[in-house]
Protein backbone atom coordinates (compact mmCIF):
# COMPACT_ATOMS: atom_id res chain seq x y z
CA MET A 1 0.10 -0.09 -0.09
CA LYS A 2 1.21 3.26 -0.92
CA LYS A 3 2.04 5.89 1.92
CA LYS A 4 1.00 9.07 1.94
CA PHE A 5 4.44 10.81 1.82
CA ASP A 6 7.96 9.79 0.14
CA TYR A 7 9.82 11.41 2.73
CA ILE A 8 9.01 12.80 6.61
CA VAL A 9 11.67 14.84 8.33
CA TYR A 10 11.86 15.04 12.30
CA ILE A 11 14.47 17.42 13.52
CA GLY A 12 15.28 17.56 17.08
CA ARG A 13 18.01 17.33 20.02
CA PHE A 14 17.04 14.26 21.24
CA GLN A 15 19.23 14.97 24.73
CA PRO A 16 18.19 12.17 25.12
CA PHE A 17 16.24 10.08 22.93
CA HIS A 18 13.27 8.95 24.76
CA ASN A 19 9.85 7.05 24.59
CA ALA A 20 7.97 10.01 22.79
CA HIS A 21 10.41 10.52 20.56
CA ALA A 22 10.26 6.94 19.55
CA GLU A 23 6.40 6.98 18.89
CA ILE A 24 6.83 10.10 16.72
CA VAL A 25 9.21 8.00 14.33
CA GLU A 26 6.60 5.14 14.61
CA GLU A 27 4.21 7.31 13.50
CA ALA A 28 6.62 9.17 10.92
CA GLN A 29 7.07 5.50 9.52
CA GLN A 30 3.32 4.95 8.96
CA LEU A 31 3.01 7.79 6.80
CA ALA A 32 6.16 7.84 5.06
CA ASP A 33 8.21 5.26 2.55
CA ARG A 34 11.40 6.97 4.35
CA VAL A 35 12.00 9.17 7.75
CA ILE A 36 14.61 11.73 7.62
CA LEU A 37 15.97 12.06 11.35
CA LEU A 38 18.49 15.27 11.81
CA ILE A 39 20.09 15.51 14.89
CA GLY A 40 20.36 19.10 16.19
CA SER A 41 22.74 21.15 18.13
CA HIS A 42 25.65 19.62 16.27
CA ASN A 43 29.08 19.83 17.35
CA GLN A 44 27.84 21.78 20.60
CA PRO A 45 30.25 21.70 23.53
CA ARG A 46 29.05 19.10 26.45
CA THR A 47 27.08 21.13 29.05
CA ILE A 48 23.89 20.19 31.04
CA GLU A 49 21.65 21.10 28.23
CA ASN A 50 23.22 19.33 26.00
CA PRO A 51 25.23 16.20 27.60
CA TRP A 52 25.49 14.19 24.54
CA THR A 53 27.72 14.77 21.43
CA THR A 54 26.28 13.95 18.00
CA ASN A 55 28.05 10.63 17.77
CA GLU A 56 26.51 9.46 21.19
CA ARG A 57 22.94 10.46 20.42
CA HIS A 58 23.09 8.77 17.16
CA GLU A 59 24.62 5.32 18.73
CA MET A 60 21.95 5.91 20.97
CA ILE A 61 19.18 6.30 18.49
CA TYR A 62 20.30 3.53 16.27
CA GLN A 63 20.60 1.03 19.04
CA THR A 64 16.82 2.08 19.78
CA LEU A 65 15.52 2.01 16.36
CA GLY A 66 17.80 -0.67 14.47
CA TRP A 67 16.81 0.91 11.22
CA ASP A 68 17.32 -0.16 7.57
CA SER A 69 17.12 1.77 4.61
CA THR A 70 14.18 3.11 5.53
CA GLY A 71 15.43 5.61 8.05
CA LEU A 72 17.62 8.16 7.03
CA THR A 73 20.19 9.76 9.59
CA ASP A 74 22.19 13.03 9.66
CA TYR A 75 23.11 16.12 11.74
CA VAL A 76 22.50 19.65 11.42
CA ALA A 77 24.21 22.70 13.47
CA ASP A 78 22.86 25.34 15.25
CA ARG A 79 22.53 28.86 13.84
CA ARG A 80 21.25 31.19 16.30
CA TYR A 81 21.60 34.26 15.23
CA ASN A 82 20.66 33.20 11.29
CA ASP A 83 17.54 31.62 10.96
CA GLN A 84 17.72 31.84 7.15
CA HIS A 85 21.14 30.11 7.31
CA TRP A 86 20.00 27.33 9.27
CA VAL A 87 16.81 26.66 7.29
CA LYS A 88 18.91 26.61 3.81
CA SER A 89 21.09 24.25 5.71
CA VAL A 90 18.47 21.96 7.19
CA GLN A 91 17.07 22.18 3.00
CA ASN A 92 20.50 21.39 1.99
CA THR A 93 21.10 18.51 4.14
CA VAL A 94 17.71 16.72 3.17
CA ALA A 95 18.51 17.62 -0.33
CA SER A 96 21.62 15.44 0.00
CA LEU A 97 19.90 12.66 2.07
CA ILE A 98 17.44 12.06 -0.63
CA GLU A 99 19.65 12.02 -3.52
CA LYS A 100 21.79 9.57 -1.88
CA ASP A 101 18.76 7.56 -1.40
CA LEU A 102 17.48 7.65 -4.75
CA ASN A 103 20.89 7.01 -6.36
CA LYS A 104 20.25 3.39 -4.34
CA ARG A 105 17.05 2.69 -5.70
CA PRO A 106 16.30 0.70 -9.22
CA ARG A 107 16.04 3.13 -12.16
CA ASN A 108 12.32 1.77 -12.57
CA ASP A 109 11.55 3.44 -9.28
CA PRO A 110 8.98 5.96 -9.54
CA LEU A 111 10.95 8.68 -8.07
CA ASN A 112 13.45 7.89 -10.68
CA GLN A 113 11.16 8.53 -13.92
CA GLY A 114 13.20 10.71 -16.30
CA TYR A 115 16.55 9.78 -14.41
CA PRO A 116 19.09 11.58 -14.48
CA GLU A 117 16.55 14.79 -14.08
CA ARG A 118 14.25 13.06 -12.04
CA THR A 119 10.98 14.60 -13.53
CA LYS A 120 8.76 13.59 -10.16
CA LYS A 121 9.19 15.19 -7.39
CA PRO A 122 9.09 13.72 -3.88
CA LYS A 123 6.53 14.61 -1.44
CA ILE A 124 8.08 15.40 1.54
CA ALA A 125 6.20 16.77 5.07
CA ILE A 126 7.85 17.81 8.61
CA ILE A 127 6.54 16.44 11.72
CA GLY A 128 6.71 17.69 15.53
CA HIS A 129 4.66 19.01 18.34
CA LYS A 130 4.64 22.76 18.77
CA HIS A 131 4.79 22.73 22.80
CA ASP A 132 6.68 26.36 23.27
CA GLU A 133 8.73 29.12 21.45
CA THR A 134 11.74 26.68 20.91
CA SER A 135 8.91 24.83 18.43
CA GLU A 136 8.90 27.82 15.94
CA TYR A 137 11.43 26.21 13.37
CA LEU A 138 8.56 23.80 12.60
CA GLU A 139 6.91 26.74 10.76
CA MET A 140 10.03 27.72 8.74
CA PHE A 141 9.18 25.23 6.08
CA PRO A 142 6.34 26.12 4.26
CA GLN A 143 6.90 23.89 1.14
CA TRP A 144 6.64 21.02 3.09
CA GLU A 145 3.29 20.08 4.71
CA PHE A 146 3.33 19.90 8.55
CA ILE A 147 2.29 16.96 10.49
CA GLU A 148 1.35 18.07 14.06
CA VAL A 149 1.50 15.43 16.92
CA GLY A 150 -0.09 16.10 20.44
CA SER A 151 1.98 15.80 23.63
CA ILE A 152 2.18 11.99 23.94
CA ASP A 153 2.98 11.95 27.77
CA GLY A 154 3.63 15.13 28.95
CA VAL A 155 7.01 14.51 29.52
CA HIS A 156 10.21 16.51 27.82
CA ALA A 157 13.69 15.67 27.61
CA THR A 158 14.10 18.83 30.04
CA ASP A 159 12.39 16.87 32.54
CA ILE A 160 14.43 13.66 31.82
CA ARG A 161 17.88 15.60 32.53
CA ALA A 162 16.67 17.33 35.64
CA ALA A 163 15.97 13.50 37.20
CA TYR A 164 19.35 12.41 35.79
CA PHE A 165 21.68 15.16 37.04
CA ASP A 166 19.95 15.83 40.43
CA PRO A 167 18.39 12.16 41.39
CA GLN A 168 18.19 13.42 45.19
CA CYS A 169 16.30 16.78 44.41
CA PRO A 170 14.85 16.24 40.79
CA ARG A 171 13.43 19.58 38.92
CA GLY A 172 11.02 17.66 36.50
CA ARG A 173 7.49 18.81 36.85
CA ARG A 174 6.47 15.61 37.98
CA PHE A 175 9.43 15.46 40.82
CA TRP A 176 9.76 19.02 42.05
CA THR A 177 9.83 19.36 45.59
CA PRO A 178 10.76 21.91 48.35
CA THR A 179 12.54 19.15 50.21
CA CYS A 180 15.69 17.07 48.97
CA ASP A 181 15.87 13.46 50.38
CA GLY A 182 18.00 10.89 49.17
CA THR A 183 14.92 8.28 48.84
CA LEU A 184 13.96 9.96 45.92
CA VAL A 185 16.89 8.86 44.37
CA ASP A 186 15.18 5.47 43.48
CA GLU A 187 12.10 7.53 42.10
CA ALA A 188 14.05 9.49 39.92
CA ASN A 189 15.61 6.34 38.17
CA GLU A 190 12.28 4.69 38.01
CA PHE A 191 10.78 8.04 36.17
CA ILE A 192 13.83 8.04 33.79
CA LYS A 193 13.63 4.31 33.13
CA ASP A 194 9.62 4.74 32.74
CA HIS A 195 10.25 7.16 30.11
CA VAL A 196 13.39 6.25 27.83
CA PRO A 197 13.76 2.91 25.73
CA SER A 198 15.59 0.34 28.05
CA VAL A 199 18.58 0.43 25.70
CA ILE A 200 19.23 3.93 26.32
CA PHE A 201 18.28 3.60 30.13
CA LYS A 202 21.02 1.45 30.94
CA HIS A 203 23.28 3.89 28.85
CA LEU A 204 22.48 6.55 31.32
CA ILE A 205 23.26 4.62 34.42
CA SER A 206 26.50 3.05 33.05
CA TRP A 207 27.35 6.71 31.85
CA ARG A 208 27.07 8.29 35.73
CA ALA A 209 30.41 6.73 36.38
CA SER A 210 32.25 8.58 33.71
CA ASN A 211 34.47 11.57 34.07
CA GLU A 212 32.06 13.37 31.31
CA TYR A 213 29.10 12.99 33.93
CA ALA A 214 31.65 14.09 36.52
CA TYR A 215 32.26 17.47 34.81
CA LEU A 216 28.74 17.93 34.04
CA ASP A 217 27.68 17.35 37.29
CA ASP A 218 30.14 19.68 38.68
CA GLN A 219 28.44 22.03 36.23
CA TYR A 220 25.53 21.53 37.15
CA GLN A 221 26.13 22.15 41.19
CA PHE A 222 27.27 25.11 39.95
CA ILE A 223 24.46 26.41 38.29
CA LYS A 224 21.83 25.24 40.86
CA ASN A 225 23.65 26.89 44.06
CA TYR A 226 24.76 30.08 41.76
CA ASP A 227 23.67 33.63 43.79
CA GLY A 228 23.07 36.40 41.20
CA SER A 229 21.88 38.36 44.29
CA LYS A 230 25.35 40.32 44.42
CA TYR A 231 24.73 41.75 41.00
CA ASP A 232 21.85 44.77 40.78
CA PRO A 233 18.82 43.66 39.03
CA SER A 234 18.23 44.87 35.36
CA TYR A 235 15.50 44.57 33.07
CA ASN A 236 15.16 44.33 29.05
CA THR A 237 12.66 45.87 26.92
CA THR A 238 12.32 46.32 23.14
CA ASP A 239 10.68 48.99 21.48
CA ALA A 240 9.36 49.75 18.07
CA VAL A 241 9.64 52.87 16.09
CA VAL A 242 7.43 52.24 13.16
CA ILE A 243 7.50 55.45 10.53
CA GLN A 244 5.34 55.71 7.68
CA SER A 245 4.65 58.97 5.30
CA GLY A 246 6.44 61.06 7.96
CA HIS A 247 4.48 59.88 10.49
CA VAL A 248 5.57 57.73 13.63
CA LEU A 249 3.19 55.02 15.27
CA LEU A 250 2.35 55.97 19.03
CA VAL A 251 0.34 54.30 22.07
CA GLN A 252 -1.03 56.08 24.99
CA ARG A 253 0.16 54.60 28.40
CA ARG A 254 -2.77 52.91 30.39
CA ALA A 255 -0.92 52.57 33.49
CA GLN A 256 1.72 53.74 35.61
CA PRO A 257 4.49 54.89 35.31
CA GLY A 258 3.75 57.54 32.57
CA LYS A 259 0.05 56.94 32.62
CA GLY A 260 -1.66 58.68 30.15
CA LEU A 261 1.37 59.91 28.10
CA TRP A 262 2.43 59.12 24.80
CA ALA A 263 4.99 56.34 24.03
CA LEU A 264 6.82 53.92 21.35
CA PRO A 265 4.87 50.52 21.32
CA GLY A 266 7.42 48.23 23.56
CA GLY A 267 7.47 46.01 26.25
CA PHE A 268 9.42 43.44 28.53
CA ILE A 269 11.22 40.56 26.84
CA ASN A 270 9.98 37.04 27.99
CA ARG A 271 12.59 34.67 29.38
CA HIS A 272 12.77 32.51 26.79
CA GLU A 273 12.22 35.05 24.14
CA ARG A 274 14.84 36.81 21.19
CA VAL A 275 14.96 40.40 20.88
CA ILE A 276 13.03 41.05 17.67
CA PRO A 277 10.21 38.46 18.07
CA ALA A 278 9.59 40.02 21.26
CA MET A 279 9.18 43.78 19.61
CA LEU A 280 7.05 42.27 16.89
CA ARG A 281 4.80 40.62 19.52
CA GLU A 282 4.89 43.68 21.56
CA LEU A 283 4.01 45.95 18.66
CA ARG A 284 1.25 43.38 17.51
CA GLU A 285 -0.37 43.42 20.99
CA GLU A 286 -0.25 47.13 21.33
CA THR A 287 -1.58 48.07 18.07
CA LYS A 288 -3.28 45.67 16.47
CA LEU A 289 -1.29 46.75 13.59
CA LYS A 290 -2.38 44.85 10.16
CA VAL A 291 1.04 44.39 8.53
CA PRO A 292 2.49 40.75 7.71
CA GLU A 293 5.07 39.74 10.07
CA PRO A 294 7.48 39.14 7.02
CA VAL A 295 7.28 42.81 5.98
CA LEU A 296 7.85 43.95 9.05
CA LYS A 297 11.12 42.18 9.63
CA GLY A 298 12.01 43.51 6.36
CA SER A 299 11.38 47.12 6.83
CA ILE A 300 13.76 47.34 9.92
CA LYS A 301 16.26 49.56 8.99
CA ASP A 302 18.50 50.27 11.85
CA SER A 303 18.46 49.33 15.75
CA ASN A 304 20.13 50.65 18.76
CA VAL A 305 20.22 49.88 22.79
CA PHE A 306 19.21 53.01 25.15
CA ASP A 307 21.35 52.19 28.54
CA ASP A 308 21.01 55.33 30.31
CA PRO A 309 20.92 53.88 33.94
CA TYR A 310 18.19 56.48 35.01
CA ARG A 311 16.21 56.08 32.09
CA SER A 312 13.28 54.11 33.79
CA LEU A 313 11.78 54.51 36.86
CA ARG A 314 11.37 51.00 37.35
CA GLY A 315 15.04 50.43 37.82
CA ARG A 316 17.98 49.38 35.21
CA THR A 317 15.99 49.08 32.23
CA PHE A 318 18.12 48.54 28.80
CA THR A 319 15.66 49.01 25.96
CA HIS A 320 16.42 47.57 22.49
CA ALA A 321 14.88 49.89 19.49
CA TYR A 322 14.04 48.93 16.28
CA LEU A 323 13.32 51.38 13.23
CA ILE A 324 10.68 50.10 10.75
CA GLU A 325 10.43 52.44 7.97
CA LEU A 326 6.85 51.21 6.10
CA LYS A 327 6.52 52.29 2.41
CA ASP A 328 4.19 55.66 2.09
CA GLY A 329 0.66 55.08 2.33
CA VAL A 330 -1.98 56.85 4.35
CA PRO A 331 -1.19 55.58 7.98
CA PRO A 332 -4.02 53.67 9.64
CA GLN A 333 -5.69 55.33 12.20
CA GLU A 334 -5.93 53.05 15.24
CA GLU A 335 -7.88 53.79 18.47
CA THR A 336 -6.05 51.24 20.68
CA LYS A 337 -5.00 52.82 23.90
């Protein structure tokens, strides 16, 4: 029976590869002839966020899945400050894997029709779960159909790493407790065992005796006990300076400080948010400006940081301002305050 897709792309850090990952792979295998698994955060230094190297994750995945020719695996490096570069890297990697796969297929395969030009384009999809802002990459490939998978058991790799590095006081959602008690060690191990494939569980337990684990455990304890109270608190905000036909877009403050005054649309940057997305979010929330996001991004002409220590009554506040110049036209008359 012919499957709906020729290839499904699944991207993840897999730190570590757990049962929910395996279930997503299984669902992808039911929908496509080939599953392309891209291991992210390639060539990163070991940290408590990225404990295992690309090769170690690759080995754990293969030991779990036992893939044959229906599974294709490669890696992709992070490009934290250049999404377009990262997207292009993913597209090129996928294209290369598909090319290698097609070359292994017989010439009479439907996807090799018209070889070597191959007139038939493979049908590609991308699969994943949009659980927070770290999943925004799933929307960066409009040429591939997106397959949404729900939260399978509510457990993420973050929870597993928390229980793994701090078994006496796990930080995972199911195990957080205000008191640290050694009796939780076995409970934490059971939690890990319940949510990772058996071959990976064995690897994780034995890996605790390695020098690499000792290094990361030291790092974990430093972060856990880190005291930043000796530094004065500071805040990060962002503002949008939107200009069209000589007009500047302003909002009227609804609350103190400065209630009733006119100001640039902007606000605080969320903890896990980048600056430009925060600026665009605040701009939409405060003005309801009906300009597509790609147009706004493409209209950014300049940016600057304003850091006068006394610029805000709230305390030390840095604001990252972006100049957006829209094409000439009649500026919208908004009543939003």
